Every structure is written in C-alpha cells, then in structure tokens.
Amino acid sequence: MLHERVREIRRSKNVKQAVIANTLGITVQAYSMKERGRRPITTVELESIAAVLDVPVSLFFREEEK
C-alpha cells in the first residue's frame, strides 16, 4: 500500500516525520495518520514527500525487491 511504501522509504532515508510534516504544513500527528493509512496522501503531498526524500514519485509505486 502507498502509505506503507512512503513510511518504508522515509525510514530508509533516515528522515523524521517532523521534517515531512513541516514541509507539508501539517502537524506530526496528522502526517503520522497518513503514514498509517488513516488519512489519504494527496498527489500534491506525495510530490512534496518525494522532493524531501529526493526520490522519484514512481518509487512509491514499485514493489521492493526481496
């Protein structure tokens, strides 16, 4: 699921939720709900998250190789 990939990639880049929440202009609690799938991540937010993490948006839609 998208929210799980966002969390996984953010953690792999060692970026705190607060950094992304600040970029999006939302609270850490609101961002945490997005990563847990309790609130949707919009296209605009996804583009901002990708920019902060320095990854292409398409990376969020690729399955991790195991």
PDB file of N, CA and C in Angstrom:
ATOM      1  N   MET A   1       0.841  -1.183   0.000  1.00  0.00           N
ATOM      2  CA  MET A   1       0.000   0.000   0.000  1.00  0.00           C
ATOM      3  C   MET A   1       0.887   1.248   0.000  1.00  0.00           C
ATOM      4  N   LEU A   2       0.345   2.307  -0.545  1.00  0.00           N
ATOM      5  CA  LEU A   2       1.113   3.537  -0.706  1.00  0.00           C
ATOM      6  C   LEU A   2       1.666   4.055   0.616  1.00  0.00           C
ATOM      7  N   HIS A   3       0.827   4.137   1.630  1.00  0.00           N
ATOM      8  CA  HIS A   3       1.291   4.696   2.902  1.00  0.00           C
ATOM      9  C   HIS A   3       2.436   3.877   3.495  1.00  0.00           C
ATOM     10  N   GLU A   4       2.411   2.572   3.299  1.00  0.00           N
ATOM     11  CA  GLU A   4       3.487   1.724   3.812  1.00  0.00           C
ATOM     12  C   GLU A   4       4.795   1.983   3.069  1.00  0.00           C
ATOM     13  N   ARG A   5       4.700   2.176   1.744  1.00  0.00           N
ATOM     14  CA  ARG A   5       5.902   2.478   0.945  1.00  0.00           C
ATOM     15  C   ARG A   5       6.487   3.832   1.342  1.00  0.00           C
ATOM     16  N   VAL A   6       5.624   4.813   1.575  1.00  0.00           N
ATOM     17  CA  VAL A   6       6.101   6.132   1.990  1.00  0.00           C
ATOM     18  C   VAL A   6       6.880   6.003   3.295  1.00  0.00           C
ATOM     19  N   ARG A   7       6.324   5.295   4.254  1.00  0.00           N
ATOM     20  CA  ARG A   7       6.994   5.119   5.548  1.00  0.00           C
ATOM     21  C   ARG A   7       8.316   4.373   5.382  1.00  0.00           C
ATOM     22  N   GLU A   8       8.288   3.311   4.619  1.00  0.00           N
ATOM     23  CA  GLU A   8       9.479   2.496   4.393  1.00  0.00           C
ATOM     24  C   GLU A   8      10.611   3.319   3.762  1.00  0.00           C
ATOM     25  N   ILE A   9      10.287   4.086   2.753  1.00  0.00           N
ATOM     26  CA  ILE A   9      11.306   4.890   2.067  1.00  0.00           C
ATOM     27  C   ILE A   9      11.796   6.015   2.979  1.00  0.00           C
ATOM     28  N   ARG A  10      10.882   6.658   3.706  1.00  0.00           N
ATOM     29  CA  ARG A  10      11.289   7.721   4.639  1.00  0.00           C
ATOM     30  C   ARG A  10      12.261   7.184   5.673  1.00  0.00           C
ATOM     31  N   ARG A  11      11.945   6.032   6.228  1.00  0.00           N
ATOM     32  CA  ARG A  11      12.835   5.432   7.230  1.00  0.00           C
ATOM     33  C   ARG A  11      14.186   5.057   6.629  1.00  0.00           C
ATOM     34  N   SER A  12      14.182   4.547   5.409  1.00  0.00           N
ATOM     35  CA  SER A  12      15.446   4.156   4.772  1.00  0.00           C
ATOM     36  C   SER A  12      16.339   5.368   4.513  1.00  0.00           C
ATOM     37  N   LYS A  13      15.730   6.543   4.398  1.00  0.00           N
ATOM     38  CA  LYS A  13      16.476   7.789   4.178  1.00  0.00           C
ATOM     39  C   LYS A  13      16.798   8.495   5.496  1.00  0.00           C
ATOM     40  N   ASN A  14      16.382   7.902   6.616  1.00  0.00           N
ATOM     41  CA  ASN A  14      16.608   8.475   7.948  1.00  0.00           C
ATOM     42  C   ASN A  14      16.054   9.896   8.079  1.00  0.00           C
ATOM     43  N   VAL A  15      14.850  10.090   7.565  1.00  0.00           N
ATOM     44  CA  VAL A  15      14.180  11.387   7.657  1.00  0.00           C
ATOM     45  C   VAL A  15      13.064  11.260   8.691  1.00  0.00           C
ATOM     46  N   LYS A  16      13.021  12.198   9.608  1.00  0.00           N
ATOM     47  CA  LYS A  16      11.990  12.173  10.649  1.00  0.00           C
ATOM     48  C   LYS A  16      10.639  12.645  10.092  1.00  0.00           C
ATOM     49  N   GLN A  17       9.579  12.130  10.697  1.00  0.00           N
ATOM     50  CA  GLN A  17       8.232  12.537  10.299  1.00  0.00           C
ATOM     51  C   GLN A  17       8.064  14.048  10.414  1.00  0.00           C
ATOM     52  N   ALA A  18       8.686  14.656  11.412  1.00  0.00           N
ATOM     53  CA  ALA A  18       8.548  16.097  11.630  1.00  0.00           C
ATOM     54  C   ALA A  18       9.048  16.908  10.441  1.00  0.00           C
ATOM     55  N   VAL A  19      10.087  16.435   9.779  1.00  0.00           N
ATOM     56  CA  VAL A  19      10.632  17.144   8.618  1.00  0.00           C
ATOM     57  C   VAL A  19       9.597  17.179   7.495  1.00  0.00           C
ATOM     58  N   ILE A  20       8.988  16.033   7.241  1.00  0.00           N
ATOM     59  CA  ILE A  20       7.994  15.973   6.168  1.00  0.00           C
ATOM     60  C   ILE A  20       6.725  16.722   6.568  1.00  0.00           C
ATOM     61  N   ALA A  21       6.293  16.564   7.805  1.00  0.00           N
ATOM     62  CA  ALA A  21       5.100  17.278   8.270  1.00  0.00           C
ATOM     63  C   ALA A  21       5.289  18.783   8.116  1.00  0.00           C
ATOM     64  N   ASN A  22       6.457  19.280   8.478  1.00  0.00           N
ATOM     65  CA  ASN A  22       6.751  20.708   8.350  1.00  0.00           C
ATOM     66  C   ASN A  22       6.683  21.153   6.892  1.00  0.00           C
ATOM     67  N   THR A  23       7.241  20.348   5.999  1.00  0.00           N
ATOM     68  CA  THR A  23       7.204  20.659   4.568  1.00  0.00           C
ATOM     69  C   THR A  23       5.767  20.723   4.058  1.00  0.00           C
ATOM     70  N   LEU A  24       4.928  19.809   4.546  1.00  0.00           N
ATOM     71  CA  LEU A  24       3.530  19.760   4.106  1.00  0.00           C
ATOM     72  C   LEU A  24       2.655  20.798   4.805  1.00  0.00           C
ATOM     73  N   GLY A  25       3.192  21.399   5.877  1.00  0.00           N
ATOM     74  CA  GLY A  25       2.415  22.384   6.618  1.00  0.00           C
ATOM     75  C   GLY A  25       1.339  21.768   7.486  1.00  0.00           C
ATOM     76  N   ILE A  26       1.611  20.549   7.971  1.00  0.00           N
ATOM     77  CA  ILE A  26       0.658  19.853   8.845  1.00  0.00           C
ATOM     78  C   ILE A  26       1.383  19.414  10.112  1.00  0.00           C
ATOM     79  N   THR A  27       0.627  18.978  11.101  1.00  0.00           N
ATOM     80  CA  THR A  27       1.237  18.510  12.342  1.00  0.00           C
ATOM     81  C   THR A  27       1.856  17.125  12.144  1.00  0.00           C
ATOM     82  N   VAL A  28       2.751  16.785  13.038  1.00  0.00           N
ATOM     83  CA  VAL A  28       3.351  15.450  13.004  1.00  0.00           C
ATOM     84  C   VAL A  28       2.263  14.400  13.189  1.00  0.00           C
ATOM     85  N   GLN A  29       1.296  14.686  14.041  1.00  0.00           N
ATOM     86  CA  GLN A  29       0.206  13.743  14.275  1.00  0.00           C
ATOM     87  C   GLN A  29      -0.592  13.501  12.994  1.00  0.00           C
ATOM     88  N   ALA A  30      -0.881  14.564  12.261  1.00  0.00           N
ATOM     89  CA  ALA A  30      -1.633  14.425  11.005  1.00  0.00           C
ATOM     90  C   ALA A  30      -0.819  13.638   9.989  1.00  0.00           C
ATOM     91  N   TYR A  31       0.484  13.911   9.929  1.00  0.00           N
ATOM     92  CA  TYR A  31       1.330  13.176   8.987  1.00  0.00           C
ATOM     93  C   TYR A  31       1.410  11.699   9.380  1.00  0.00           C
ATOM     94  N   SER A  32       1.528  11.435  10.663  1.00  0.00           N
ATOM     95  CA  SER A  32       1.586  10.058  11.147  1.00  0.00           C
ATOM     96  C   SER A  32       0.333   9.289  10.734  1.00  0.00           C
ATOM     97  N   MET A  33      -0.808   9.947  10.792  1.00  0.00           N
ATOM     98  CA  MET A  33      -2.057   9.293  10.378  1.00  0.00           C
ATOM     99  C   MET A  33      -2.024   8.946   8.890  1.00  0.00           C
ATOM    100  N   LYS A  34      -1.386   9.773   8.094  1.00  0.00           N
ATOM    101  CA  LYS A  34      -1.248   9.485   6.664  1.00  0.00           C
ATOM    102  C   LYS A  34      -0.370   8.257   6.458  1.00  0.00           C
ATOM    103  N   GLU A  35       0.741   8.171   7.196  1.00  0.00           N
ATOM    104  CA  GLU A  35       1.638   7.020   7.062  1.00  0.00           C
ATOM    105  C   GLU A  35       0.997   5.727   7.557  1.00  0.00           C
ATOM    106  N   ARG A  36       0.042   5.855   8.456  1.00  0.00           N
ATOM    107  CA  ARG A  36      -0.648   4.665   8.964  1.00  0.00           C
ATOM    108  C   ARG A  36      -1.885   4.317   8.145  1.00  0.00           C
ATOM    109  N   GLY A  37      -2.155   5.116   7.112  1.00  0.00           N
ATOM    110  CA  GLY A  37      -3.290   4.838   6.245  1.00  0.00           C
ATOM    111  C   GLY A  37      -4.620   5.313   6.779  1.00  0.00           C
ATOM    112  N   ARG A  38      -4.598   6.133   7.808  1.00  0.00           N
ATOM    113  CA  ARG A  38      -5.851   6.624   8.392  1.00  0.00           C
ATOM    114  C   ARG A  38      -6.349   7.894   7.726  1.00  0.00           C
ATOM    115  N   ARG A  39      -5.460   8.554   6.993  1.00  0.00           N
ATOM    116  CA  ARG A  39      -5.824   9.720   6.180  1.00  0.00           C
ATOM    117  C   ARG A  39      -5.170   9.535   4.818  1.00  0.00           C
ATOM    118  N   PRO A  40      -5.806   9.999   3.759  1.00  0.00           N
ATOM    119  CA  PRO A  40      -5.214   9.829   2.424  1.00  0.00           C
ATOM    120  C   PRO A  40      -4.024  10.760   2.199  1.00  0.00           C
ATOM    121  N   ILE A  41      -3.107  10.308   1.368  1.00  0.00           N
ATOM    122  CA  ILE A  41      -1.991  11.136   0.921  1.00  0.00           C
ATOM    123  C   ILE A  41      -2.381  11.653  -0.463  1.00  0.00           C
ATOM    124  N   THR A  42      -2.459  12.966  -0.602  1.00  0.00           N
ATOM    125  CA  THR A  42      -2.856  13.543  -1.885  1.00  0.00           C
ATOM    126  C   THR A  42      -1.694  13.495  -2.877  1.00  0.00           C
ATOM    127  N   THR A  43      -2.006  13.705  -4.125  1.00  0.00           N
ATOM    128  CA  THR A  43      -0.979  13.729  -5.166  1.00  0.00           C
ATOM    129  C   THR A  43       0.025  14.842  -4.901  1.00  0.00           C
ATOM    130  N   VAL A  44      -0.458  16.006  -4.526  1.00  0.00           N
ATOM    131  CA  VAL A  44       0.426  17.141  -4.240  1.00  0.00           C
ATOM    132  C   VAL A  44       1.331  16.811  -3.054  1.00  0.00           C
ATOM    133  N   GLU A  45       0.771  16.201  -2.016  1.00  0.00           N
ATOM    134  CA  GLU A  45       1.577  15.814  -0.855  1.00  0.00           C
ATOM    135  C   GLU A  45       2.625  14.781  -1.246  1.00  0.00           C
ATOM    136  N   LEU A  46       2.236  13.828  -2.066  1.00  0.00           N
ATOM    137  CA  LEU A  46       3.168  12.790  -2.491  1.00  0.00           C
ATOM    138  C   LEU A  46       4.336  13.399  -3.263  1.00  0.00           C
ATOM    139  N   GLU A  47       4.054  14.373  -4.105  1.00  0.00           N
ATOM    140  CA  GLU A  47       5.118  15.058  -4.842  1.00  0.00           C
ATOM    141  C   GLU A  47       6.059  15.788  -3.887  1.00  0.00           C
ATOM    142  N   SER A  48       5.524  16.415  -2.851  1.00  0.00           N
ATOM    143  CA  SER A  48       6.348  17.112  -1.860  1.00  0.00           C
ATOM    144  C   SER A  48       7.186  16.131  -1.052  1.00  0.00           C
ATOM    145  N   ILE A  49       6.586  15.019  -0.675  1.00  0.00           N
ATOM    146  CA  ILE A  49       7.313  13.988   0.075  1.00  0.00           C
ATOM    147  C   ILE A  49       8.463  13.449  -0.766  1.00  0.00           C
ATOM    148  N   ALA A  50       8.201  13.190  -2.028  1.00  0.00           N
ATOM    149  CA  ALA A  50       9.244  12.692  -2.932  1.00  0.00           C
ATOM    150  C   ALA A  50      10.389  13.693  -3.030  1.00  0.00           C
ATOM    151  N   ALA A  51      10.066  14.977  -3.096  1.00  0.00           N
ATOM    152  CA  ALA A  51      11.100  16.011  -3.186  1.00  0.00           C
ATOM    153  C   ALA A  51      11.960  16.038  -1.925  1.00  0.00           C
ATOM    154  N   VAL A  52      11.323  15.953  -0.760  1.00  0.00           N
ATOM    155  CA  VAL A  52      12.069  15.948   0.503  1.00  0.00           C
ATOM    156  C   VAL A  52      12.984  14.732   0.582  1.00  0.00           C
ATOM    157  N   LEU A  53      12.477  13.586   0.141  1.00  0.00           N
ATOM    158  CA  LEU A  53      13.255  12.345   0.217  1.00  0.00           C
ATOM    159  C   LEU A  53      14.217  12.187  -0.960  1.00  0.00           C
ATOM    160  N   ASP A  54      14.133  13.104  -1.916  1.00  0.00           N
ATOM    161  CA  ASP A  54      14.986  13.086  -3.109  1.00  0.00           C
ATOM    162  C   ASP A  54      14.848  11.775  -3.877  1.00  0.00           C
ATOM    163  N   VAL A  55      13.595  11.402  -4.118  1.00  0.00           N
ATOM    164  CA  VAL A  55      13.289  10.194  -4.893  1.00  0.00           C
ATOM    165  C   VAL A  55      12.203  10.530  -5.911  1.00  0.00           C
ATOM    166  N   PRO A  56      12.115   9.769  -6.997  1.00  0.00           N
ATOM    167  CA  PRO A  56      11.014   9.992  -7.937  1.00  0.00           C
ATOM    168  C   PRO A  56       9.702   9.471  -7.343  1.00  0.00           C
ATOM    169  N   VAL A  57       8.613  10.103  -7.682  1.00  0.00           N
ATOM    170  CA  VAL A  57       7.295   9.669  -7.199  1.00  0.00           C
ATOM    171  C   VAL A  57       7.049   8.207  -7.561  1.00  0.00           C
ATOM    172  N   SER A  58       7.535   7.790  -8.707  1.00  0.00           N
ATOM    173  CA  SER A  58       7.315   6.411  -9.160  1.00  0.00           C
ATOM    174  C   SER A  58       7.874   5.376  -8.190  1.00  0.00           C
ATOM    175  N   LEU A  59       8.871   5.763  -7.396  1.00  0.00           N
ATOM    176  CA  LEU A  59       9.461   4.817  -6.439  1.00  0.00           C
ATOM    177  C   LEU A  59       8.425   4.339  -5.418  1.00  0.00           C
ATOM    178  N   PHE A  60       7.455   5.172  -5.102  1.00  0.00           N
ATOM    179  CA  PHE A  60       6.429   4.796  -4.132  1.00  0.00           C
ATOM    180  C   PHE A  60       5.511   3.693  -4.664  1.00  0.00           C
ATOM    181  N   PHE A  61       5.526   3.496  -5.967  1.00  0.00           N
ATOM    182  CA  PHE A  61       4.640   2.516  -6.583  1.00  0.00           C
ATOM    183  C   PHE A  61       5.354   1.247  -7.029  1.00  0.00           C
ATOM    184  N   ARG A  62       6.657   1.182  -6.799  1.00  0.00           N
ATOM    185  CA  ARG A  62       7.419  -0.018  -7.140  1.00  0.00           C
ATOM    186  C   ARG A  62       7.455  -0.937  -5.940  1.00  0.00           C
ATOM    187  N   GLU A  63       7.372  -2.215  -6.217  1.00  0.00           N
ATOM    188  CA  GLU A  63       7.497  -3.177  -5.129  1.00  0.00           C
ATOM    189  C   GLU A  63       8.963  -3.337  -4.786  1.00  0.00           C
ATOM    190  N   GLU A  64       9.226  -3.485  -3.495  1.00  0.00           N
ATOM    191  CA  GLU A  64      10.600  -3.679  -3.046  1.00  0.00           C
ATOM    192  C   GLU A  64      11.084  -5.045  -3.488  1.00  0.00           C
ATOM    193  N   GLU A  65      12.316  -5.070  -3.990  1.00  0.00           N
ATOM    194  CA  GLU A  65      12.905  -6.353  -4.378  1.00  0.00           C
ATOM    195  C   GLU A  65      13.358  -7.078  -3.126  1.00  0.00           C
ATOM    196  N   LYS A  66      13.063  -8.371  -3.085  1.00  0.00           N
ATOM    197  CA  LYS A  66      13.436  -9.142  -1.891  1.00  0.00           C
ATOM    198  C   LYS A  66      14.467 -10.169  -2.229  1.00  0.00           C
TER     199      LYS A  66
END
